[in-house]
């Protein structure tokens, strides 16, 4: 549960990410149920003209639980041409492509 004291505080507590989630509210207002949480992502897979799309984990086993690896399609010039495995903690990436 969030309180006025959480305003401006990074709500992400994972030690291995630079992603943030910050509660934003009007400085003069009290915390209301319609306040906004501002999200800033961490870029963990990048390269010139490359993208990592449709990331997947084993949701049945790890949904809502800590996990280390995600898999996705690697895109080159918007064409999916590789399979990628990404360690979300170390940012190490493995790529398979023909």
Protein backbone atom coordinates (compact mmCIF):
# COMPACT_ATOMS: atom_id res chain seq x y z
CA UNK A 1 0.00 0.00 0.00
CA UNK A 2 1.32 3.44 -0.93
CA UNK A 3 1.25 6.54 1.23
CA UNK A 4 2.09 10.21 0.77
CA UNK A 5 5.59 9.40 2.10
CA UNK A 6 6.19 7.26 -1.00
CA UNK A 7 5.79 10.25 -3.36
CA UNK A 8 8.97 10.72 -5.38
CA UNK A 9 10.53 7.50 -4.06
CA UNK A 10 11.70 4.78 -6.46
CA UNK A 11 9.36 1.84 -5.80
CA UNK A 12 11.63 -0.64 -7.65
CA UNK A 13 13.88 -2.34 -5.11
CA UNK A 14 15.66 -4.86 -7.36
CA UNK A 15 19.44 -4.39 -6.99
CA UNK A 16 20.27 -5.32 -10.61
CA UNK A 17 18.17 -2.80 -12.55
CA UNK A 18 18.11 0.89 -13.36
CA UNK A 19 14.36 0.78 -14.09
CA UNK A 20 12.29 3.05 -11.86
CA UNK A 21 8.68 3.40 -10.76
CA UNK A 22 7.96 6.70 -9.03
CA UNK A 23 4.71 7.81 -7.44
CA UNK A 24 3.83 11.27 -8.75
CA UNK A 25 1.26 13.53 -7.17
CA UNK A 26 0.41 17.19 -6.93
CA UNK A 27 2.58 18.59 -4.13
CA UNK A 28 -0.45 20.28 -2.55
CA UNK A 29 -2.76 17.30 -2.80
CA UNK A 30 -3.11 14.41 -0.46
CA UNK A 31 -2.59 10.95 -1.91
CA UNK A 32 -5.66 9.86 -3.83
CA UNK A 33 -6.48 6.55 -5.47
CA UNK A 34 -6.04 8.13 -8.93
CA UNK A 35 -2.38 9.13 -8.45
CA UNK A 36 0.07 8.15 -11.15
CA UNK A 37 3.09 5.88 -10.99
CA UNK A 38 5.68 7.02 -13.53
CA UNK A 39 7.67 4.16 -15.11
CA UNK A 40 11.13 4.48 -16.65
CA UNK A 41 12.44 1.31 -18.33
CA UNK A 42 15.95 -0.04 -18.38
CA UNK A 43 17.28 -0.81 -21.86
CA UNK A 44 18.78 -4.28 -21.52
CA UNK A 45 19.07 -5.36 -25.15
CA UNK A 46 20.20 -2.91 -27.78
CA UNK A 47 22.35 -2.54 -30.80
CA UNK A 48 22.33 -0.72 -34.10
CA UNK A 49 19.09 -1.60 -35.89
CA UNK A 50 18.40 -4.47 -33.47
CA UNK A 51 15.44 -5.12 -31.23
CA UNK A 52 14.24 -7.77 -28.77
CA UNK A 53 10.53 -8.42 -29.15
CA UNK A 54 7.89 -10.64 -27.60
CA UNK A 55 9.89 -11.54 -24.48
CA UNK A 56 8.64 -14.67 -22.72
CA UNK A 57 9.25 -16.48 -19.47
CA UNK A 58 7.69 -19.70 -18.21
CA UNK A 59 4.66 -17.87 -16.76
CA UNK A 60 3.10 -21.03 -15.36
CA UNK A 61 6.16 -21.64 -13.19
CA UNK A 62 7.56 -18.11 -12.67
CA UNK A 63 4.64 -15.67 -13.04
CA UNK A 64 4.97 -13.19 -10.17
CA UNK A 65 8.18 -14.86 -8.99
CA UNK A 66 11.84 -14.00 -9.48
CA UNK A 67 13.40 -15.31 -12.69
CA UNK A 68 16.75 -14.97 -14.42
CA UNK A 69 16.21 -15.68 -18.13
CA UNK A 70 13.81 -14.44 -20.77
CA UNK A 71 13.61 -15.48 -24.41
CA UNK A 72 12.53 -13.41 -27.38
CA UNK A 73 12.81 -12.72 -31.08
CA UNK A 74 15.74 -10.69 -32.28
CA UNK A 75 14.89 -8.28 -35.07
CA UNK A 76 17.24 -6.88 -37.69
CA UNK A 77 15.72 -4.09 -39.78
CA UNK A 78 12.27 -5.11 -38.42
CA UNK A 79 12.70 -8.72 -39.64
CA UNK A 80 12.67 -11.45 -36.98
CA UNK A 81 15.77 -13.46 -37.84
CA UNK A 82 17.14 -14.77 -34.54
CA UNK A 83 16.24 -16.29 -31.20
CA UNK A 84 17.66 -14.55 -28.13
CA UNK A 85 18.13 -15.60 -24.52
CA UNK A 86 18.70 -12.78 -22.04
CA UNK A 87 19.90 -12.94 -18.44
CA UNK A 88 17.87 -10.11 -16.88
CA UNK A 89 20.25 -9.83 -13.91
CA UNK A 90 23.65 -9.74 -15.65
CA UNK A 91 22.36 -8.48 -19.06
CA UNK A 92 24.33 -11.29 -20.77
CA UNK A 93 22.77 -12.27 -24.11
CA UNK A 94 22.95 -15.40 -26.26
CA UNK A 95 21.82 -15.26 -29.88
CA UNK A 96 20.99 -18.12 -32.25
CA UNK A 97 20.58 -17.43 -35.95
CA UNK A 98 21.06 -19.21 -39.26
